Protein backbone atom coordinates (compact mmCIF):
# COMPACT_ATOMS: atom_id res chain seq x y z
CA UNK A 1 7.58 14.93 -15.87
CA UNK A 2 11.19 13.75 -16.04
CA UNK A 3 12.10 10.06 -15.66
CA UNK A 4 13.71 10.82 -12.29
CA UNK A 5 10.62 12.60 -11.01
CA UNK A 6 8.34 9.83 -12.29
CA UNK A 7 10.47 7.23 -10.51
CA UNK A 8 10.31 9.19 -7.27
CA UNK A 9 6.53 9.37 -7.36
CA UNK A 10 5.93 5.66 -8.05
CA UNK A 11 4.92 3.99 -4.84
CA UNK A 12 3.66 0.73 -3.40
CA UNK A 13 0.32 0.15 -1.68
CA UNK A 14 2.16 -0.24 1.64
CA UNK A 15 3.85 3.14 1.14
CA UNK A 16 0.49 4.75 0.39
CA UNK A 17 -1.00 3.18 3.53
CA UNK A 18 1.89 4.29 5.74
CA UNK A 19 1.84 7.83 4.39
CA UNK A 20 -1.96 8.13 4.66
CA UNK A 21 -1.75 6.98 8.27
CA UNK A 22 1.11 9.38 9.06
CA UNK A 23 -0.92 12.32 7.77
CA UNK A 24 -3.53 11.69 10.46
CA UNK A 25 -1.06 12.45 13.26
CA UNK A 26 -1.58 15.99 14.54
CA UNK A 27 1.56 17.96 15.32
CA UNK A 28 2.10 18.12 19.06
CA UNK A 29 -0.04 15.07 19.83
CA UNK A 30 1.04 12.67 22.56
CA UNK A 31 1.05 9.43 20.62
CA UNK A 32 1.13 5.84 21.97
CA UNK A 33 2.76 3.75 19.26
CA UNK A 34 2.52 0.07 18.39
CA UNK A 35 5.30 -1.82 16.59
CA UNK A 36 5.29 -2.48 12.84
CA UNK A 37 3.11 -0.42 10.50
CA UNK A 38 1.97 1.98 13.27
CA UNK A 39 5.58 2.70 14.23
CA UNK A 40 6.55 3.42 10.62
CA UNK A 41 3.64 5.85 10.23
CA UNK A 42 4.32 7.59 13.56
CA UNK A 43 8.02 8.02 12.84
CA UNK A 44 7.27 9.32 9.35
CA UNK A 45 4.92 11.91 10.83
CA UNK A 46 7.64 12.95 13.30
CA UNK A 47 10.05 13.50 10.40
CA UNK A 48 7.63 15.44 8.18
CA UNK A 49 4.63 17.53 9.26
CA UNK A 50 4.52 16.66 13.00
CA UNK A 51 7.97 17.32 14.50
CA UNK A 52 6.55 18.21 17.93
CA UNK A 53 4.70 14.91 18.36
CA UNK A 54 5.66 12.98 21.49
CA UNK A 55 6.14 9.27 20.74
CA UNK A 56 5.42 6.92 23.63
CA UNK A 57 6.11 3.18 23.64
CA UNK A 58 4.61 0.81 26.19
CA UNK A 59 8.02 -0.21 27.55
CA UNK A 60 7.99 3.17 29.33
CA UNK A 61 9.83 5.33 26.79
CA UNK A 62 8.46 8.88 26.58
CA UNK A 63 9.53 11.21 23.78
CA UNK A 64 11.44 8.52 21.87
CA UNK A 65 13.22 9.73 18.74
CA UNK A 66 14.63 6.55 17.20
CA UNK A 67 16.99 6.93 14.26
CA UNK A 68 15.65 3.66 12.87
CA UNK A 69 12.39 1.77 13.32
CA UNK A 70 12.47 -0.37 16.49
CA UNK A 71 12.33 -4.16 16.31
CA UNK A 72 10.16 -4.30 19.43
CA UNK A 73 9.00 -2.18 22.35
CA UNK A 74 12.13 -3.37 24.16
CA UNK A 75 14.52 -2.10 21.48
CA UNK A 76 17.36 -0.18 23.14
CA UNK A 77 17.04 2.51 20.46
CA UNK A 78 13.85 3.70 22.14
CA UNK A 79 15.29 4.12 25.63
CA UNK A 80 18.51 5.67 24.35
CA UNK A 81 16.66 8.40 22.45
CA UNK A 82 13.78 9.02 24.88
CA UNK A 83 13.28 12.17 26.96
CA UNK A 84 12.41 9.92 29.90
CA UNK A 85 11.95 6.25 30.71
CA UNK A 86 9.38 5.29 33.35
CA UNK A 87 8.21 1.96 34.71
CA UNK A 88 5.54 0.03 32.83
CA UNK A 89 3.06 0.32 35.75
CA UNK A 90 3.55 4.10 35.76
CA UNK A 91 3.15 4.25 31.99
CA UNK A 92 -0.23 2.55 32.12
CA UNK A 93 -1.64 3.68 35.46
CA UNK A 94 -0.53 7.33 35.35
CA UNK A 95 0.02 8.30 31.73
CA UNK A 96 -2.44 6.14 29.80
CA UNK A 97 -5.28 5.54 32.25
CA UNK A 98 -4.77 9.06 33.58
CA UNK A 99 -5.98 10.45 30.25
CA UNK A 100 -2.68 12.04 29.24
CA UNK A 101 -2.33 10.37 25.83
CA UNK A 102 -4.12 11.88 22.84
CA UNK A 103 -3.75 9.22 20.21
CA UNK A 104 -3.10 5.48 20.05
CA UNK A 105 -1.73 3.81 16.93
CA UNK A 106 -2.47 0.07 16.64
CA UNK A 107 -2.10 -2.76 14.16
CA UNK A 108 -4.18 -5.94 14.05
CA UNK A 109 -4.40 -9.42 12.59
CA UNK A 110 -8.20 -9.30 12.35
CA UNK A 111 -10.77 -6.51 12.58
CA UNK A 112 -14.56 -6.50 12.47
CA UNK A 113 -17.16 -3.96 11.31
CA UNK A 114 -17.05 -2.09 14.63
CA UNK A 115 -13.24 -1.89 14.68
CA UNK A 116 -12.76 -4.45 17.44
CA UNK A 117 -9.42 -6.14 16.87
CA UNK A 118 -7.82 -9.55 17.33
CA UNK A 119 -4.11 -10.02 17.99
CA UNK A 120 -4.43 -13.25 20.00
CA UNK A 121 -5.32 -16.31 17.87
CA UNK A 122 -6.69 -17.28 14.49
CA UNK A 123 -9.05 -20.23 14.91
CA UNK A 124 -9.97 -21.90 18.18
CA UNK A 125 -8.27 -20.50 21.28
CA UNK A 126 -7.41 -24.00 22.57
CA UNK A 127 -6.32 -25.34 19.16
CA UNK A 128 -5.52 -22.27 17.07
CA UNK A 129 -4.48 -22.27 13.43
CA UNK A 130 -2.13 -19.41 14.29
CA UNK A 131 -0.99 -18.21 17.72
CA UNK A 132 -0.50 -14.44 17.45
CA UNK A 133 1.71 -12.16 19.60
CA UNK A 134 -1.13 -11.44 22.04
CA UNK A 135 -2.60 -8.38 23.67
CA UNK A 136 0.37 -6.54 25.11
CA UNK A 137 -0.87 -3.08 25.98
CA UNK A 138 -3.36 -2.87 23.11
CA UNK A 139 -6.55 -3.38 25.19
CA UNK A 140 -5.61 -0.49 27.49
CA UNK A 141 -4.54 1.69 24.56
CA UNK A 142 -7.84 0.99 22.78
CA UNK A 143 -9.81 1.79 25.93
CA UNK A 144 -8.04 4.87 27.28
CA UNK A 145 -6.36 6.90 24.52
CA UNK A 146 -8.25 10.00 23.42
CA UNK A 147 -8.72 8.34 20.04
CA UNK A 148 -7.26 5.38 18.16
CA UNK A 149 -5.98 4.87 14.62
CA UNK A 150 -5.68 1.34 13.25
CA UNK A 151 -3.60 0.34 10.25
CA UNK A 152 -3.51 -3.04 8.49
CA UNK A 153 -3.65 -4.56 5.02
CA UNK A 154 -7.17 -5.14 3.76
CA UNK A 155 -8.33 -8.61 2.71
CA UNK A 156 -11.07 -11.05 3.70
CA UNK A 157 -8.73 -12.92 6.07
CA UNK A 158 -8.20 -9.77 8.13
CA UNK A 159 -11.57 -8.00 7.70
CA UNK A 160 -13.92 -10.63 9.10
CA UNK A 161 -17.60 -10.91 9.98
CA UNK A 162 -16.77 -12.33 13.40
CA UNK A 163 -13.44 -12.19 15.22
CA UNK A 164 -11.91 -15.45 16.38
CA UNK A 165 -10.94 -13.62 19.58
CA UNK A 166 -11.68 -10.07 20.74
CA UNK A 167 -8.36 -8.76 22.06
CA UNK A 168 -9.08 -5.02 22.10
CA UNK A 169 -12.38 -3.18 22.08
CA UNK A 170 -13.22 -0.82 19.27
CA UNK A 171 -16.85 0.21 19.23
CA UNK A 172 -17.99 -3.14 20.71
CA UNK A 173 -21.38 -3.81 19.05
CA UNK A 174 -21.88 -0.25 17.87
CA UNK A 175 -23.96 2.72 18.91
CA UNK A 176 -23.29 3.91 22.47
CA UNK A 177 -21.65 0.66 23.57
CA UNK A 178 -18.38 2.30 24.62
CA UNK A 179 -20.26 4.94 26.59
CA UNK A 180 -22.30 2.27 28.38
CA UNK A 181 -19.09 0.49 29.39
CA UNK A 182 -17.64 3.84 30.52
CA UNK A 183 -14.56 3.50 28.35
CA UNK A 184 -12.91 6.94 28.52
CA UNK A 185 -11.51 7.22 25.00
CA UNK A 186 -13.39 7.87 21.76
CA UNK A 187 -12.19 4.56 20.34
CA UNK A 188 -11.09 4.08 16.72
CA UNK A 189 -11.63 7.16 14.58
CA UNK A 190 -10.10 5.74 11.39
CA UNK A 191 -8.86 2.47 9.91
CA UNK A 192 -6.17 3.03 7.29
CA UNK A 193 -5.48 0.16 4.89
CA UNK A 194 -3.52 -0.44 1.72
CA UNK A 195 -6.74 0.16 -0.25
CA UNK A 196 -8.40 3.11 1.46
CA UNK A 197 -9.65 4.71 4.66
CA UNK A 198 -12.65 3.63 6.73
CA UNK A 199 -14.23 5.74 9.45
CA UNK A 200 -17.01 4.85 11.91
CA UNK A 201 -20.53 6.04 11.18
CA UNK A 202 -21.33 8.85 13.67
CA UNK A 203 -24.42 7.05 14.98
CA UNK A 204 -24.03 3.29 14.43
CA UNK A 205 -20.19 3.30 14.66
CA UNK A 206 -20.03 0.76 11.82
CA UNK A 207 -16.95 1.20 9.66
CA UNK A 208 -17.74 3.04 6.44
CA UNK A 209 -15.53 3.45 3.39
CA UNK A 210 -14.88 7.17 2.99
CA UNK A 211 -11.74 7.27 0.83
CA UNK A 212 -9.98 5.02 -1.68
CA UNK A 213 -6.32 5.28 -2.55
CA UNK A 214 -5.37 6.27 -6.12
CA UNK A 215 -6.05 3.49 -8.61
CA UNK A 216 -8.29 1.53 -6.21
CA UNK A 217 -11.99 1.08 -6.90
CA UNK A 218 -14.80 0.97 -4.37
CA UNK A 219 -15.67 -2.48 -5.73
CA UNK A 220 -12.17 -3.73 -4.92
CA UNK A 221 -12.42 -2.57 -1.30
CA UNK A 222 -15.86 -4.15 -0.90
CA UNK A 223 -14.58 -7.43 -2.35
CA UNK A 224 -11.70 -7.52 0.13
CA UNK A 225 -14.02 -7.10 3.14
CA UNK A 226 -15.59 -10.08 4.92
CA UNK A 227 -18.91 -8.34 5.58
CA UNK A 228 -21.22 -6.12 3.46
CA UNK A 229 -19.16 -2.95 3.73
CA UNK A 230 -20.96 0.36 4.13
CA UNK A 231 -19.88 2.91 1.54
CA UNK A 232 -20.19 6.67 2.00
CA UNK A 233 -22.36 8.56 -0.48
CA UNK A 234 -19.32 10.61 -1.48
CA UNK A 235 -16.12 8.54 -1.49
CA UNK A 236 -13.05 10.69 -1.98
CA UNK A 237 -9.65 9.73 -3.40
CA UNK A 238 -6.65 9.89 -1.08
CA UNK A 239 -4.04 12.42 -2.09
CA UNK A 240 -1.07 10.49 -3.54
CA UNK A 241 2.25 10.56 -1.71
CA UNK A 242 4.45 13.58 -2.30
CA UNK A 243 8.05 13.20 -3.39
CA UNK A 244 9.13 14.42 0.06
CA UNK A 245 6.98 11.89 1.92
CA UNK A 246 8.31 9.04 -0.20
CA UNK A 247 11.90 10.21 0.15
CA UNK A 248 11.72 10.45 3.95
CA UNK A 249 9.93 7.11 4.33
CA UNK A 250 12.33 5.26 2.04
CA UNK A 251 15.37 6.76 3.73
CA UNK A 252 14.02 5.66 7.12
CA UNK A 253 13.33 2.13 5.88
CA UNK A 254 16.71 1.87 4.18
CA UNK A 255 18.52 2.99 7.33
CA UNK A 256 16.44 0.57 9.41
CA UNK A 257 17.27 -2.37 7.12
CA UNK A 258 20.99 -1.60 7.31
CA UNK A 259 20.94 -1.18 11.10
CA UNK A 260 19.09 -4.43 11.69
CA UNK A 261 21.30 -6.32 9.25
CA UNK A 262 24.44 -4.95 10.94
CA UNK A 263 23.51 -4.08 14.56
CA UNK A 264 27.03 -2.82 15.32
CA UNK A 265 26.75 -0.02 12.75
């Protein structure tokens, strides 16, 4: 391997996480996108293996094709590049709750063993240690999308035994809990972190480690989880990023950094 090729294939844990998440987007899926890591993964998928994916943002933008990653759901880049812009009530009442969105992509500050997530507060609600951005459309996305992917960095501060606040429902307390509450979507089908991939057990719905990223041990993932993590009997290793995936992701991030540093460009 040449020095140039070796340099191209070196990657960070965040790049591995973003690429692993992007790979889970099916081409042609109607995808409801959160800001941050989910948006990076969704836009990478759009630029690589899933060019026919329809990106939807909760501000009402349908078919957005941003040249750079948006700063927020209200970023003008989304509306300017969208196929259509509808009202927020129509987005949620007709498109989302009407069952027209295949996949939701969410981030989180905290997550528990059943993939319930917290984006509201860390600590007491009345006297929090940290006041987080809040729910936004995440509870509805978690409830009504056909399925949900969650991406966040894995450590014991984020992967906790008990959430400080349940913002959005994953698999509630496991088993058939979603079915009993008549939530229409399947709920989270994978949690993609900087260390590996966790998927819910088919019966109990408890998150189970099924894949580790290259260079990461099962023991490391278990140590960075705030509960006794279930581990699959056959844990696979995630395929490392390809040169193309890294090139596209880095170009997108570089362009985004320049655009946000110089908004007039």
